[in-house]
C-alpha cells in the first residue's frame, strides 16, 4: 500500500499548493491513501471548516490537526460532522472529535491514523503522549484491526519525536513528525 503524508500546510500558499498539485501528485505516486497535516492552513493559526472542506475536496483522505486544533472556533463543530479530520489524542478529554480512526483504503485495506502532541517546549501542558499512544496502538494493532498504521507526532523537540519513533517501533508502519521548526535533516528509517 502506498501512503502519502504531507504537512504542515501553512496559510493560503500551502492550501493553494495542495489544491493545484495534490490530484496530479496522487496519480503520479499512485498513492492509495493521503494524509495531510492542516494545523496551520488558515492564516497560520488552525484550520477553518471552509478551508478543511476545500482541502478534503482535493482528494485528502485524512486531515490531522495539532496544538492549534481549535484556534478557528468553527472547527469545534465542524470536526464532529467530518470523520476525515483528526485532533490530537492527548489534546483534552472533553475536546470534540477523535485522535484515532481506522479508514478504508482501496482494496479493503484498513489504515489506522493516530495523532499525538508532544510536551517539550509546548506552550500548554498536554497529557503524557507515550502512555496515550501506547493505549491507542493496542486498539489499532497491525495485522489485527489495521493493515497499516500512521502516527503523526506534532511536537517541537526532535528528541521527543525520535523517542516516539522508538516507542512505536514495530507497532506502527510510519511515524511522521510535524510542527518542525528545524530542517528535516534528521530523517531516519528504522528497520
C-alpha atoms as a PDB file:
ATOM      1  CA  UNK A   1       0.000   0.000   0.000  1.00  0.00           C
ATOM      2  CA  UNK A   2       1.257   3.480  -0.861  1.00  0.00           C
ATOM      3  CA  UNK A   3       0.623   6.162   1.751  1.00  0.00           C
ATOM      4  CA  UNK A   4       1.420   9.825   1.096  1.00  0.00           C
ATOM      5  CA  UNK A   5       1.849  12.182   4.061  1.00  0.00           C
ATOM      6  CA  UNK A   6       2.170  15.947   3.555  1.00  0.00           C
ATOM      7  CA  UNK A   7       2.465  18.715   6.115  1.00  0.00           C
ATOM      8  CA  UNK A   8       2.473  21.162   7.674  1.00  0.00           C
ATOM      9  CA  UNK A   9       0.274  23.216   5.366  1.00  0.00           C
ATOM     10  CA  UNK A  10       0.651  26.893   6.213  1.00  0.00           C
ATOM     11  CA  UNK A  11      -1.710  29.613   5.046  1.00  0.00           C
ATOM     12  CA  UNK A  12      -3.034  30.402   1.603  1.00  0.00           C
ATOM     13  CA  UNK A  13       0.139  29.328  -0.213  1.00  0.00           C
ATOM     14  CA  UNK A  14       0.006  25.884   1.393  1.00  0.00           C
ATOM     15  CA  UNK A  15      -3.677  25.455   0.586  1.00  0.00           C
ATOM     16  CA  UNK A  16      -3.108  26.589  -2.991  1.00  0.00           C
ATOM     17  CA  UNK A  17      -0.252  24.102  -3.423  1.00  0.00           C
ATOM     18  CA  UNK A  18      -2.486  21.257  -2.228  1.00  0.00           C
ATOM     19  CA  UNK A  19      -5.461  22.310  -4.352  1.00  0.00           C
ATOM     20  CA  UNK A  20      -3.349  22.688  -7.502  1.00  0.00           C
ATOM     21  CA  UNK A  21      -0.931  19.790  -7.142  1.00  0.00           C
ATOM     22  CA  UNK A  22      -2.380  17.027  -4.971  1.00  0.00           C
ATOM     23  CA  UNK A  23      -4.568  15.354  -7.628  1.00  0.00           C
ATOM     24  CA  UNK A  24      -1.612  15.021 -10.024  1.00  0.00           C
ATOM     25  CA  UNK A  25       0.811  14.071  -7.263  1.00  0.00           C
ATOM     26  CA  UNK A  26      -1.565  11.398  -6.016  1.00  0.00           C
ATOM     27  CA  UNK A  27      -1.811   9.952  -9.531  1.00  0.00           C
ATOM     28  CA  UNK A  28       1.941  10.188 -10.230  1.00  0.00           C
ATOM     29  CA  UNK A  29       2.814   8.424  -6.956  1.00  0.00           C
ATOM     30  CA  UNK A  30      -0.128   6.004  -7.214  1.00  0.00           C
ATOM     31  CA  UNK A  31      -0.967   6.864  -3.615  1.00  0.00           C
ATOM     32  CA  UNK A  32      -3.683   4.700  -2.093  1.00  0.00           C
ATOM     33  CA  UNK A  33      -4.184   6.923   0.936  1.00  0.00           C
ATOM     34  CA  UNK A  34      -3.306  10.595   1.540  1.00  0.00           C
ATOM     35  CA  UNK A  35      -2.845  12.180   4.964  1.00  0.00           C
ATOM     36  CA  UNK A  36      -2.162  15.907   5.344  1.00  0.00           C
ATOM     37  CA  UNK A  37      -1.404  17.927   8.462  1.00  0.00           C
ATOM     38  CA  UNK A  38      -3.549  21.061   8.098  1.00  0.00           C
ATOM     39  CA  UNK A  39      -2.706  22.529  11.510  1.00  0.00           C
ATOM     40  CA  UNK A  40      -1.839  25.992  10.196  1.00  0.00           C
ATOM     41  CA  UNK A  41      -3.757  26.091   6.912  1.00  0.00           C
ATOM     42  CA  UNK A  42      -5.937  29.050   7.914  1.00  0.00           C
ATOM     43  CA  UNK A  43      -3.731  32.127   8.200  1.00  0.00           C
ATOM     44  CA  UNK A  44      -1.084  30.086  10.030  1.00  0.00           C
ATOM     45  CA  UNK A  45      -3.354  29.514  13.044  1.00  0.00           C
ATOM     46  CA  UNK A  46      -5.532  26.418  12.921  1.00  0.00           C
ATOM     47  CA  UNK A  47      -7.948  25.236  10.255  1.00  0.00           C
ATOM     48  CA  UNK A  48     -11.393  26.628   9.462  1.00  0.00           C
ATOM     49  CA  UNK A  49     -14.284  24.457   8.355  1.00  0.00           C
ATOM     50  CA  UNK A  50     -14.354  26.215   4.987  1.00  0.00           C
ATOM     51  CA  UNK A  51     -10.677  25.541   4.321  1.00  0.00           C
ATOM     52  CA  UNK A  52     -10.986  21.969   5.591  1.00  0.00           C
ATOM     53  CA  UNK A  53     -13.815  21.298   3.109  1.00  0.00           C
ATOM     54  CA  UNK A  54     -11.733  22.734   0.239  1.00  0.00           C
ATOM     55  CA  UNK A  55      -8.724  20.599   1.154  1.00  0.00           C
ATOM     56  CA  UNK A  56     -10.762  17.429   1.583  1.00  0.00           C
ATOM     57  CA  UNK A  57     -12.313  18.115  -1.820  1.00  0.00           C
ATOM     58  CA  UNK A  58      -8.830  17.976  -3.369  1.00  0.00           C
ATOM     59  CA  UNK A  59      -8.557  14.274  -2.507  1.00  0.00           C
ATOM     60  CA  UNK A  60      -7.211  14.174   1.044  1.00  0.00           C
ATOM     61  CA  UNK A  61      -8.322  11.046   2.915  1.00  0.00           C
ATOM     62  CA  UNK A  62      -7.380  12.314   6.394  1.00  0.00           C
ATOM     63  CA  UNK A  63      -6.521  15.774   7.757  1.00  0.00           C
ATOM     64  CA  UNK A  64      -4.643  15.949  11.055  1.00  0.00           C
ATOM     65  CA  UNK A  65      -4.517  18.990  13.312  1.00  0.00           C
ATOM     66  CA  UNK A  66      -2.248  19.877  16.267  1.00  0.00           C
ATOM     67  CA  UNK A  67      -1.923  22.236  19.213  1.00  0.00           C
ATOM     68  CA  UNK A  68      -3.871  24.930  17.292  1.00  0.00           C
ATOM     69  CA  UNK A  69      -6.690  22.475  16.513  1.00  0.00           C
ATOM     70  CA  UNK A  70      -9.450  24.794  17.681  1.00  0.00           C
ATOM     71  CA  UNK A  71      -7.948  28.248  17.098  1.00  0.00           C
ATOM     72  CA  UNK A  72     -10.619  28.585  14.400  1.00  0.00           C
ATOM     73  CA  UNK A  73     -13.739  28.266  16.549  1.00  0.00           C
ATOM     74  CA  UNK A  74     -15.920  26.720  13.837  1.00  0.00           C
ATOM     75  CA  UNK A  75     -13.668  23.654  13.867  1.00  0.00           C
ATOM     76  CA  UNK A  76     -15.187  22.706  17.223  1.00  0.00           C
ATOM     77  CA  UNK A  77     -18.465  21.858  15.473  1.00  0.00           C
ATOM     78  CA  UNK A  78     -17.114  21.063  12.003  1.00  0.00           C
ATOM     79  CA  UNK A  79     -14.922  18.221  13.298  1.00  0.00           C
ATOM     80  CA  UNK A  80     -17.949  16.465  14.827  1.00  0.00           C
ATOM     81  CA  UNK A  81     -19.514  16.003  11.393  1.00  0.00           C
ATOM     82  CA  UNK A  82     -16.331  15.186   9.471  1.00  0.00           C
ATOM     83  CA  UNK A  83     -14.630  11.884  10.249  1.00  0.00           C
ATOM     84  CA  UNK A  84     -11.715  12.630   7.922  1.00  0.00           C
ATOM     85  CA  UNK A  85     -10.336  15.186  10.414  1.00  0.00           C
ATOM     86  CA  UNK A  86      -8.363  14.095  13.487  1.00  0.00           C
ATOM     87  CA  UNK A  87      -7.364  16.139  16.513  1.00  0.00           C
ATOM     88  CA  UNK A  88      -4.563  15.003  18.819  1.00  0.00           C
ATOM     89  CA  UNK A  89      -5.359  12.106  21.163  1.00  0.00           C
ATOM     90  CA  UNK A  90      -3.978  13.989  24.154  1.00  0.00           C
ATOM     91  CA  UNK A  91      -5.470  17.427  23.394  1.00  0.00           C
ATOM     92  CA  UNK A  92      -8.153  17.247  26.101  1.00  0.00           C
ATOM     93  CA  UNK A  93     -10.588  14.542  27.123  1.00  0.00           C
ATOM     94  CA  UNK A  94     -13.598  16.824  26.503  1.00  0.00           C
ATOM     95  CA  UNK A  95     -12.366  18.097  23.116  1.00  0.00           C
ATOM     96  CA  UNK A  96     -14.618  17.351  20.162  1.00  0.00           C
ATOM     97  CA  UNK A  97     -13.534  14.861  17.515  1.00  0.00           C
ATOM     98  CA  UNK A  98     -11.251  11.851  17.655  1.00  0.00           C
ATOM     99  CA  UNK A  99      -7.485  11.299  17.675  1.00  0.00           C
ATOM    100  CA  UNK A 100      -7.609   7.789  16.203  1.00  0.00           C
ATOM    101  CA  UNK A 101      -9.621   6.423  13.314  1.00  0.00           C
ATOM    102  CA  UNK A 102      -9.356   3.409  11.088  1.00  0.00           C
ATOM    103  CA  UNK A 103     -10.092   4.252   7.474  1.00  0.00           C
ATOM    104  CA  UNK A 104     -10.875   2.036   4.494  1.00  0.00           C
ATOM    105  CA  UNK A 105      -8.360   2.305   1.649  1.00  0.00           C
ATOM    106  CA  UNK A 106      -8.756   0.782  -1.826  1.00  0.00           C
ATOM    107  CA  UNK A 107      -8.882  -2.997  -1.900  1.00  0.00           C
ATOM    108  CA  UNK A 108     -10.488  -3.182   1.542  1.00  0.00           C
ATOM    109  CA  UNK A 109      -7.240  -2.385   3.333  1.00  0.00           C
ATOM    110  CA  UNK A 110      -7.517  -0.587   6.664  1.00  0.00           C
ATOM    111  CA  UNK A 111      -5.334   2.378   7.616  1.00  0.00           C
ATOM    112  CA  UNK A 112      -5.184   3.444  11.256  1.00  0.00           C
ATOM    113  CA  UNK A 113      -4.249   7.108  11.653  1.00  0.00           C
ATOM    114  CA  UNK A 114      -3.326   8.405  15.094  1.00  0.00           C
ATOM    115  CA  UNK A 115      -2.192  11.848  16.152  1.00  0.00           C
ATOM    116  CA  UNK A 116      -0.407  12.842  19.339  1.00  0.00           C
ATOM    117  CA  UNK A 117       1.037  16.079  20.752  1.00  0.00           C
ATOM    118  CA  UNK A 118       4.444  16.290  22.339  1.00  0.00           C
ATOM    119  CA  UNK A 119       5.122  18.026  25.656  1.00  0.00           C
ATOM    120  CA  UNK A 120       8.619  19.503  25.360  1.00  0.00           C
ATOM    121  CA  UNK A 121       8.668  23.272  24.597  1.00  0.00           C
ATOM    122  CA  UNK A 122       4.898  23.384  24.079  1.00  0.00           C
ATOM    123  CA  UNK A 123       3.060  26.471  25.326  1.00  0.00           C
ATOM    124  CA  UNK A 124       0.355  24.437  27.097  1.00  0.00           C
ATOM    125  CA  UNK A 125       0.575  21.211  29.082  1.00  0.00           C
ATOM    126  CA  UNK A 126      -0.779  18.115  27.355  1.00  0.00           C
ATOM    127  CA  UNK A 127      -1.225  14.624  28.748  1.00  0.00           C
ATOM    128  CA  UNK A 128       1.653  12.160  28.528  1.00  0.00           C
ATOM    129  CA  UNK A 129       1.884  11.242  24.832  1.00  0.00           C
ATOM    130  CA  UNK A 130       3.681   7.946  25.453  1.00  0.00           C
ATOM    131  CA  UNK A 131       1.041   6.344  27.653  1.00  0.00           C
ATOM    132  CA  UNK A 132      -1.791   7.634  25.462  1.00  0.00           C
ATOM    133  CA  UNK A 133      -0.256   6.423  22.192  1.00  0.00           C
ATOM    134  CA  UNK A 134       0.531   3.098  23.844  1.00  0.00           C
ATOM    135  CA  UNK A 135      -3.132   2.518  24.688  1.00  0.00           C
ATOM    136  CA  UNK A 136      -4.256   3.711  21.241  1.00  0.00           C
ATOM    137  CA  UNK A 137      -1.862   1.398  19.393  1.00  0.00           C
ATOM    138  CA  UNK A 138      -3.310  -1.517  21.342  1.00  0.00           C
ATOM    139  CA  UNK A 139      -6.729  -0.619  19.901  1.00  0.00           C
ATOM    140  CA  UNK A 140      -5.347  -0.431  16.334  1.00  0.00           C
ATOM    141  CA  UNK A 141      -2.961  -3.369  16.111  1.00  0.00           C
ATOM    142  CA  UNK A 142      -1.160  -4.013  12.850  1.00  0.00           C
ATOM    143  CA  UNK A 143      -2.346  -7.234  11.263  1.00  0.00           C
ATOM    144  CA  UNK A 144      -5.381  -7.131  13.540  1.00  0.00           C
ATOM    145  CA  UNK A 145      -7.677  -4.155  13.193  1.00  0.00           C
ATOM    146  CA  UNK A 146      -5.352  -2.338  10.754  1.00  0.00           C
ATOM    147  CA  UNK A 147      -3.236  -3.245   7.754  1.00  0.00           C
ATOM    148  CA  UNK A 148      -1.166  -0.067   8.151  1.00  0.00           C
ATOM    149  CA  UNK A 149      -0.721   2.400  10.989  1.00  0.00           C
ATOM    150  CA  UNK A 150       0.401   6.026  10.719  1.00  0.00           C
ATOM    151  CA  UNK A 151       1.259   8.148  13.765  1.00  0.00           C
ATOM    152  CA  UNK A 152       1.514  11.932  13.329  1.00  0.00           C
ATOM    153  CA  UNK A 153       3.651  13.272  16.178  1.00  0.00           C
ATOM    154  CA  UNK A 154       3.007  17.012  16.428  1.00  0.00           C
ATOM    155  CA  UNK A 155       5.855  18.180  18.643  1.00  0.00           C
ATOM    156  CA  UNK A 156       8.597  20.785  18.920  1.00  0.00           C
ATOM    157  CA  UNK A 157      11.590  18.779  20.134  1.00  0.00           C
ATOM    158  CA  UNK A 158      13.411  16.470  17.734  1.00  0.00           C
ATOM    159  CA  UNK A 159      14.471  14.299  20.681  1.00  0.00           C
ATOM    160  CA  UNK A 160      10.836  13.741  21.710  1.00  0.00           C
ATOM    161  CA  UNK A 161       9.920  12.872  18.130  1.00  0.00           C
ATOM    162  CA  UNK A 162      12.761  10.363  17.910  1.00  0.00           C
ATOM    163  CA  UNK A 163      11.775   8.842  21.249  1.00  0.00           C
ATOM    164  CA  UNK A 164       8.207   8.436  19.971  1.00  0.00           C
ATOM    165  CA  UNK A 165       9.542   6.735  16.838  1.00  0.00           C
ATOM    166  CA  UNK A 166      11.358   4.200  19.001  1.00  0.00           C
ATOM    167  CA  UNK A 167       8.295   3.822  21.266  1.00  0.00           C
ATOM    168  CA  UNK A 168       6.080   2.973  18.255  1.00  0.00           C
ATOM    169  CA  UNK A 169       8.672   0.779  16.514  1.00  0.00           C
ATOM    170  CA  UNK A 170       7.084  -2.452  15.353  1.00  0.00           C
ATOM    171  CA  UNK A 171       3.587  -1.211  16.216  1.00  0.00           C
ATOM    172  CA  UNK A 172       3.162   1.453  13.506  1.00  0.00           C
ATOM    173  CA  UNK A 173       4.022   1.378   9.821  1.00  0.00           C
ATOM    174  CA  UNK A 174       5.013   5.040   9.740  1.00  0.00           C
ATOM    175  CA  UNK A 175       5.757   7.642  12.397  1.00  0.00           C
ATOM    176  CA  UNK A 176       5.848  11.130  10.897  1.00  0.00           C
ATOM    177  CA  UNK A 177       6.581  14.312  12.729  1.00  0.00           C
ATOM    178  CA  UNK A 178       5.026  17.705  12.168  1.00  0.00           C
ATOM    179  CA  UNK A 179       5.492  21.159  13.764  1.00  0.00           C
ATOM    180  CA  UNK A 180       9.140  21.119  12.753  1.00  0.00           C
ATOM    181  CA  UNK A 181      10.940  24.412  13.190  1.00  0.00           C
ATOM    182  CA  UNK A 182      14.249  22.868  12.204  1.00  0.00           C
ATOM    183  CA  UNK A 183      15.463  21.414   8.898  1.00  0.00           C
ATOM    184  CA  UNK A 184      14.400  17.812   8.352  1.00  0.00           C
ATOM    185  CA  UNK A 185      17.993  16.653   8.037  1.00  0.00           C
ATOM    186  CA  UNK A 186      17.441  14.186  10.879  1.00  0.00           C
ATOM    187  CA  UNK A 187      15.110  11.909   8.910  1.00  0.00           C
ATOM    188  CA  UNK A 188      15.684   8.229   9.544  1.00  0.00           C
ATOM    189  CA  UNK A 189      14.283   4.873   8.538  1.00  0.00           C
ATOM    190  CA  UNK A 190      14.262   2.246  11.260  1.00  0.00           C
ATOM    191  CA  UNK A 191      14.381  -1.370  10.206  1.00  0.00           C
END
